[in-house]
Amino acid sequence: MRKLLLLCGVFATACVDNDYDLANINTDNIAIGDETSRFEAPLAKVYVTLADINSNDQVRIDQIFNEADTWLPTQLPDTDENGAYADVQRLLNDLTYVNDRLLPDLLDEMSTNPKKLDAVATLLQQNYYDDFAGVLPGVSQTEFKEAFVEAFTSNAVLRDALSQEVKSLAGNYLTNLDVNMDDLSYEIGHIDLSDEVVNMLCDNLDPAETPDPKNTLHLAGEIDNRLPLTLEIAPNFLNTQVSFSTTVLANSPENVLPETRLLANDLRTIVQDARVDIPIVIRKYYPGKGFDNASEQQTQMQINLYLIKRGALKFDL
C-alpha cells in the first residue's frame, strides 16, 4: 500500500549557546561547535489512521478486535501497568491459553452476566445463525437471540450443547485472529532541507568503520500511540542501510525510537526521494482502551522523526 507522509523540513539546532555573526568572516569553510556538540533537525511527521491499518485480507484493525471483544471474557488473566490484556501471539499459537484459560471464563461469564450473554447472542444471531440449526431447530433468525438466551439460562441440557458450539466458534476465531497486517508503506517526496543544510550535516561525518566515531548523524524519534495495542515495528527505509526494530507500547504518547546511525548517502537518499516500509506485529490487545467511536481518518499513531548530528557542523559561505 502507498499512503501519505506529511513532512516537516525546518532546520533547528540544539546545544548552541551563542548567536553567531558570520557576516564578516572571510573564509570558505566555517565550523560551529566541536566533537562534544549535539544538533537536532526535525525531519518528518507520519500520521497513521485506522484506515491505514489493515490485515492482509483488508479488514480494518478495529473491526477485527470488535468481534474478539465479544469472544474474550471481560476479566482477562494477564495484566500489566496498562491494564488487562489479551496476549495476541498466545491466542494464535497457544491452544492451552485459549482452551483452558479464556474460553472457560467466557462460558462462566455468560452464565452470570446478562450483558455478556446478550452480546454473545447478538453476535451469533448476526454472524453464526446457521451453525445452530441442529441445536435450536425451527428457530428463525429473527427469533434466534431470544431463543438462545432462554435456552442457555433455563435448559441445562441445551446449555451444554450451546456452550460446546460457542466454545468451538470462539476458539476458532481467537486462534485464527486476522492480525497478519499489511506493512505501513509511505512514499517520501523531496523533503524541504536545502542542499546547503544537507551538506552541512554530511560533509564531515566519520566513516562507517571508525571505531569510536565523534562526528555522526542519527535518525531518532518518538511515537504517540493511541491504539489499545502494543506493537513491534521494524521501519525500513528502502534504498538505504537504515532499518531498526522497536516495541511501541499501547496508549502511550512517549514511545522512544532507538537512535539509528545514518551515513551521508542515507540522508541524501531520504531527503531526495525514498520509501519507508513499516512491518507490524501485534503483541498485546487491551479491550476497552481504544477504538471507541474512532473515525476512519482519525490519527491513531503519530511518528515524529528527527536528525541528531554529533560533532562540529561545517559549511561553506
Protein backbone atom coordinates (compact mmCIF):
# COMPACT_ATOMS: atom_id res chain seq x y z
CA MET A 1 0.00 0.00 0.00
CA ARG A 2 1.07 3.58 -0.55
CA LYS A 3 -0.06 6.19 1.88
CA LEU A 4 0.59 9.85 2.55
CA LEU A 5 3.61 11.00 4.50
CA LEU A 6 3.32 14.53 5.90
CA LEU A 7 6.71 16.19 6.12
CA CYS A 8 8.36 18.92 8.14
CA GLY A 9 11.77 20.09 6.98
CA VAL A 10 12.60 23.12 9.12
CA PHE A 11 16.21 23.06 10.32
CA ALA A 12 16.88 23.73 14.00
CA THR A 13 19.87 23.30 16.30
CA ALA A 14 20.33 22.46 19.94
CA CYS A 15 23.22 22.98 22.33
CA VAL A 16 24.36 26.19 20.62
CA ASP A 17 24.57 28.78 23.38
CA ASN A 18 25.53 31.91 21.43
CA ASP A 19 24.33 33.82 18.40
CA TYR A 20 26.87 33.66 15.59
CA ASP A 21 27.56 36.71 13.38
CA LEU A 22 29.02 35.24 10.20
CA ALA A 23 28.81 38.36 8.06
CA ASN A 24 32.45 39.44 8.40
CA ILE A 25 34.19 36.07 8.26
CA ASN A 26 36.46 35.82 5.22
CA THR A 27 36.88 32.08 4.79
CA ASP A 28 35.40 29.42 2.59
CA ASN A 29 34.78 26.97 5.42
CA ILE A 30 33.15 27.50 8.81
CA ALA A 31 32.87 25.15 11.78
CA ILE A 32 30.35 25.53 14.58
CA GLY A 33 30.88 23.52 17.74
CA ASP A 34 33.34 20.69 18.37
CA GLU A 35 33.29 16.93 18.87
CA THR A 36 31.14 17.32 22.01
CA SER A 37 28.40 19.31 20.26
CA ARG A 38 24.93 17.97 19.53
CA PHE A 39 22.49 19.43 16.98
CA GLU A 40 18.95 18.40 16.08
CA ALA A 41 16.94 18.88 12.91
CA PRO A 42 13.24 17.85 12.61
CA LEU A 43 12.73 15.61 9.61
CA ALA A 44 9.17 14.28 9.26
CA LYS A 45 5.84 13.58 10.91
CA VAL A 46 3.86 10.50 9.96
CA TYR A 47 0.14 10.35 10.80
CA VAL A 48 -1.31 6.81 10.93
CA THR A 49 -5.10 6.45 10.85
CA LEU A 50 -7.45 3.50 11.28
CA ALA A 51 -7.85 3.44 7.52
CA ASP A 52 -4.11 2.73 7.21
CA ILE A 53 -4.02 -0.30 9.50
CA ASN A 54 -5.48 -3.31 7.73
CA SER A 55 -4.98 -7.06 7.69
CA ASN A 56 -3.71 -8.80 4.58
CA ASP A 57 -7.38 -9.52 3.85
CA GLN A 58 -8.11 -5.77 4.05
CA VAL A 59 -10.07 -5.92 7.30
CA ARG A 60 -9.62 -2.81 9.40
CA ILE A 61 -7.92 -3.33 12.74
CA ASP A 62 -10.78 -2.08 14.91
CA GLN A 63 -13.25 -4.37 13.13
CA ILE A 64 -11.02 -7.38 13.83
CA PHE A 65 -10.98 -6.69 17.55
CA ASN A 66 -14.65 -5.71 17.79
CA GLU A 67 -15.61 -9.38 17.40
CA ALA A 68 -12.72 -10.50 19.59
CA ASP A 69 -14.18 -8.29 22.36
CA THR A 70 -17.30 -10.45 22.38
CA TRP A 71 -15.40 -13.74 22.49
CA LEU A 72 -12.95 -12.65 25.18
CA PRO A 73 -14.02 -12.79 28.83
CA THR A 74 -14.27 -9.40 30.50
CA GLN A 75 -11.83 -10.45 33.23
CA LEU A 76 -8.64 -11.38 31.40
CA PRO A 77 -5.95 -13.40 33.18
CA ASP A 78 -2.99 -11.19 32.23
CA THR A 79 -2.37 -7.63 33.40
CA ASP A 80 0.45 -5.10 33.35
CA GLU A 81 0.82 -1.41 34.14
CA ASN A 82 -1.57 -0.55 31.30
CA GLY A 83 -4.34 -2.87 32.47
CA ALA A 84 -5.77 -6.26 31.48
CA TYR A 85 -4.74 -7.54 28.07
CA ALA A 86 -5.04 -10.45 25.68
CA ASP A 87 -1.69 -11.86 24.59
CA VAL A 88 -2.26 -11.85 20.84
CA GLN A 89 0.62 -14.15 19.96
CA ARG A 90 -0.55 -16.69 22.55
CA LEU A 91 -4.05 -16.52 21.06
CA LEU A 92 -2.55 -17.58 17.76
CA ASN A 93 -0.05 -20.14 19.00
CA ASP A 94 -1.03 -21.50 22.42
CA LEU A 95 -4.18 -23.65 22.48
CA THR A 96 -3.87 -24.19 26.23
CA TYR A 97 -4.06 -20.43 26.80
CA VAL A 98 -7.28 -20.26 24.79
CA ASN A 99 -9.00 -23.53 25.68
CA ASP A 100 -8.07 -23.77 29.36
CA ARG A 101 -7.94 -20.12 30.44
CA LEU A 102 -10.05 -17.88 28.22
CA LEU A 103 -12.96 -19.99 26.99
CA PRO A 104 -13.99 -21.44 30.38
CA ASP A 105 -14.06 -17.88 31.73
CA LEU A 106 -16.20 -16.78 28.77
CA LEU A 107 -18.78 -19.51 29.41
CA ASP A 108 -18.83 -18.80 33.14
CA GLU A 109 -19.42 -15.11 32.45
CA MET A 110 -22.26 -15.90 30.06
CA SER A 111 -23.92 -17.79 32.94
CA THR A 112 -23.57 -14.94 35.44
CA ASN A 113 -23.53 -11.72 33.40
CA PRO A 114 -26.67 -10.96 31.32
CA LYS A 115 -24.82 -8.23 29.43
CA LYS A 116 -22.18 -10.68 28.20
CA LEU A 117 -24.80 -13.27 27.32
CA ASP A 118 -26.69 -10.64 25.33
CA ALA A 119 -23.52 -9.61 23.46
CA VAL A 120 -22.71 -13.22 22.52
CA ALA A 121 -26.30 -13.93 21.47
CA THR A 122 -26.35 -10.79 19.30
CA LEU A 123 -23.11 -11.79 17.55
CA LEU A 124 -24.40 -15.33 16.98
CA GLN A 125 -27.65 -14.04 15.51
CA GLN A 126 -25.80 -11.73 13.13
CA ASN A 127 -22.92 -13.95 12.01
CA TYR A 128 -23.42 -17.57 13.10
CA TYR A 129 -27.14 -18.35 12.95
CA ASP A 130 -26.68 -21.31 10.58
CA ASP A 131 -24.25 -23.02 12.98
CA PHE A 132 -27.08 -23.57 15.49
CA ALA A 133 -29.63 -25.13 13.16
CA GLY A 134 -29.09 -28.55 14.74
CA VAL A 135 -29.24 -27.30 18.33
CA LEU A 136 -32.18 -24.92 18.00
CA PRO A 137 -34.19 -26.42 15.09
CA GLY A 138 -37.12 -24.48 13.71
CA VAL A 139 -35.98 -21.16 15.22
CA SER A 140 -35.89 -18.34 12.67
CA GLN A 141 -33.03 -15.87 12.60
CA THR A 142 -35.35 -13.15 13.90
CA GLU A 143 -36.30 -15.34 16.87
CA PHE A 144 -32.80 -16.69 17.44
CA LYS A 145 -31.42 -14.27 20.02
CA GLU A 146 -34.38 -14.59 22.37
CA ALA A 147 -34.46 -18.37 21.94
CA PHE A 148 -30.73 -18.70 22.58
CA VAL A 149 -30.84 -16.62 25.78
CA GLU A 150 -33.88 -18.52 27.06
CA ALA A 151 -32.36 -21.93 26.35
CA PHE A 152 -28.96 -21.00 27.82
CA THR A 153 -30.44 -19.70 31.05
CA SER A 154 -33.27 -22.18 31.57
CA ASN A 155 -32.40 -25.52 29.98
CA ALA A 156 -29.34 -27.32 31.34
CA VAL A 157 -29.23 -29.89 28.54
CA LEU A 158 -29.44 -27.28 25.80
CA ARG A 159 -26.98 -25.05 27.69
CA ASP A 160 -24.32 -27.76 27.43
CA ALA A 161 -24.91 -28.14 23.66
CA LEU A 162 -24.96 -24.38 23.11
CA SER A 163 -21.80 -23.97 25.20
CA GLN A 164 -19.92 -26.51 23.10
CA GLU A 165 -20.88 -24.67 19.91
CA VAL A 166 -19.93 -21.28 21.43
CA LYS A 167 -16.61 -22.69 22.60
CA SER A 168 -15.89 -24.04 19.12
CA LEU A 169 -16.76 -20.77 17.36
CA ALA A 170 -14.95 -18.55 19.86
CA GLY A 171 -11.86 -20.77 19.85
CA ASN A 172 -11.75 -20.84 16.06
CA TYR A 173 -12.00 -17.04 15.85
CA LEU A 174 -9.43 -16.27 18.53
CA THR A 175 -6.85 -18.80 17.35
CA ASN A 176 -7.18 -17.57 13.76
CA LEU A 177 -7.31 -13.87 14.55
CA ASP A 178 -6.73 -11.95 11.32
CA VAL A 179 -3.71 -9.96 12.50
CA ASN A 180 -1.27 -10.57 9.67
CA MET A 181 -1.07 -6.87 8.98
CA ASP A 182 -0.14 -5.13 5.76
CA ASP A 183 3.07 -3.14 6.09
CA LEU A 184 2.54 0.56 6.53
CA SER A 185 4.17 1.96 3.42
CA TYR A 186 4.93 5.62 2.74
CA GLU A 187 6.31 7.36 -0.29
CA ILE A 188 8.62 10.16 0.77
CA GLY A 189 8.84 13.00 -1.68
CA HIS A 190 11.50 15.67 -1.57
CA ILE A 191 11.99 16.91 2.00
CA ASP A 192 12.45 20.64 2.36
CA LEU A 193 16.06 20.57 3.56
CA SER A 194 18.30 22.67 1.32
CA ASP A 195 21.45 21.26 -0.25
CA GLU A 196 23.47 23.57 1.98
CA VAL A 197 21.91 22.12 5.13
CA VAL A 198 22.33 18.53 3.90
CA ASN A 199 25.98 19.24 3.08
CA MET A 200 26.49 20.79 6.48
CA LEU A 201 25.13 17.65 8.15
CA CYS A 202 27.03 15.21 5.94
CA ASP A 203 30.37 16.68 4.93
CA ASN A 204 32.46 15.80 8.00
CA LEU A 205 30.87 12.51 9.07
CA ASP A 206 33.26 9.82 10.27
CA PRO A 207 33.42 6.76 8.01
CA ALA A 208 31.25 3.79 8.96
CA GLU A 209 34.25 1.71 10.03
CA THR A 210 35.59 4.32 12.50
CA PRO A 211 36.00 2.52 15.89
CA ASP A 212 34.94 5.42 18.14
CA PRO A 213 33.24 7.96 15.87
CA LYS A 214 32.79 11.54 17.09
CA ASN A 215 31.16 13.12 14.04
CA THR A 216 27.98 11.13 13.45
CA LEU A 217 24.43 11.50 12.19
CA HIS A 218 21.49 9.55 13.63
CA LEU A 219 17.80 9.17 12.93
CA ALA A 220 15.70 9.30 16.12
CA GLY A 221 12.12 9.99 17.09
CA GLU A 222 9.06 9.37 19.24
CA ILE A 223 5.71 7.70 18.68
CA ASP A 224 2.42 8.80 20.22
CA ASN A 225 0.41 5.57 20.09
CA ARG A 226 -3.29 5.92 20.85
CA LEU A 227 -4.15 2.36 19.84
CA PRO A 228 -5.07 -0.20 22.52
CA LEU A 229 -2.31 -2.37 21.03
CA THR A 230 1.31 -2.98 21.92
CA LEU A 231 3.16 -3.40 18.64
CA GLU A 232 6.55 -4.38 17.33
CA ILE A 233 7.52 -2.30 14.32
CA ALA A 234 10.54 -2.59 12.04
CA PRO A 235 10.87 0.51 9.82
CA ASN A 236 12.99 0.00 6.72
CA PHE A 237 13.98 2.93 4.52
CA LEU A 238 14.29 1.43 1.05
CA ASN A 239 17.42 2.20 -0.96
CA THR A 240 19.33 2.95 2.25
CA GLN A 241 21.05 1.00 5.02
CA VAL A 242 18.55 2.38 7.56
CA SER A 243 16.41 -0.16 9.41
CA PHE A 244 15.64 -0.89 13.03
CA SER A 245 13.02 -2.51 15.25
CA THR A 246 11.33 -1.36 18.42
CA THR A 247 8.37 -2.05 20.70
CA VAL A 248 5.57 0.54 20.74
CA LEU A 249 3.55 0.44 23.95
CA ALA A 250 -0.25 0.76 23.82
CA ASN A 251 -1.94 4.04 24.78
CA SER A 252 1.38 5.80 25.32
CA PRO A 253 2.49 9.18 23.95
CA GLU A 254 6.13 8.62 24.90
CA ASN A 255 7.47 5.70 22.88
CA VAL A 256 11.08 6.50 22.01
CA LEU A 257 12.56 5.24 18.74
CA PRO A 258 16.14 3.97 19.02
CA GLU A 259 18.81 6.18 17.52
CA THR A 260 19.86 4.67 14.21
CA ARG A 261 23.06 5.79 12.53
CA LEU A 262 22.87 7.39 9.10
CA LEU A 263 25.65 7.66 6.58
CA ALA A 264 25.81 10.58 4.18
CA ASN A 265 24.26 8.65 1.29
CA ASP A 266 21.41 7.50 3.53
CA LEU A 267 20.41 11.06 4.37
CA ARG A 268 20.76 12.26 0.78
CA THR A 269 18.50 9.41 -0.40
CA ILE A 270 15.90 10.07 2.28
CA VAL A 271 15.84 13.80 1.56
CA GLN A 272 15.65 13.39 -2.21
CA ASP A 273 13.20 10.51 -2.58
CA ALA A 274 12.76 7.36 -0.53
CA ARG A 275 10.14 4.97 0.76
CA VAL A 276 9.75 3.62 4.24
CA ASP A 277 8.05 0.29 4.85
CA ILE A 278 6.95 -0.47 8.42
CA PRO A 279 6.12 -4.13 9.16
CA ILE A 280 3.88 -4.55 12.23
CA VAL A 281 3.47 -7.41 14.69
CA ILE A 282 0.69 -7.09 17.28
CA ARG A 283 1.74 -8.30 20.73
CA LYS A 284 -0.96 -7.23 23.20
CA TYR A 285 -4.55 -6.04 22.99
CA TYR A 286 -6.22 -4.05 25.78
CA PRO A 287 -10.03 -4.25 25.46
CA GLY A 288 -11.83 -1.04 26.35
CA LYS A 289 -8.72 1.11 25.94
CA GLY A 290 -9.44 2.48 22.48
CA PHE A 291 -11.23 2.17 19.11
CA ASP A 292 -14.48 3.50 20.64
CA ASN A 293 -16.08 5.95 18.21
CA ALA A 294 -12.79 6.43 16.37
CA SER A 295 -13.33 7.65 12.81
CA GLU A 296 -11.54 6.04 9.88
CA GLN A 297 -9.39 9.14 9.33
CA GLN A 298 -8.67 9.91 12.98
CA THR A 299 -4.96 9.79 13.82
CA GLN A 300 -4.11 6.72 15.89
CA MET A 301 -0.33 6.98 15.80
CA GLN A 302 1.88 9.98 15.22
CA ILE A 303 5.52 9.25 14.41
CA ASN A 304 7.89 12.20 14.83
CA LEU A 305 11.28 11.75 13.17
CA TYR A 306 14.30 14.00 13.61
CA LEU A 307 18.05 14.03 12.95
CA ILE A 308 20.77 14.16 15.59
CA LYS A 309 24.18 15.46 14.48
CA ARG A 310 27.09 14.98 16.88
CA GLY A 311 30.33 16.81 16.32
CA ALA A 312 31.02 20.13 14.64
CA LEU A 313 28.93 21.48 11.77
CA LYS A 314 30.99 22.57 8.78
CA PHE A 315 29.70 24.56 5.86
CA ASP A 316 30.83 26.90 3.09
CA LEU A 317 29.77 30.53 2.98
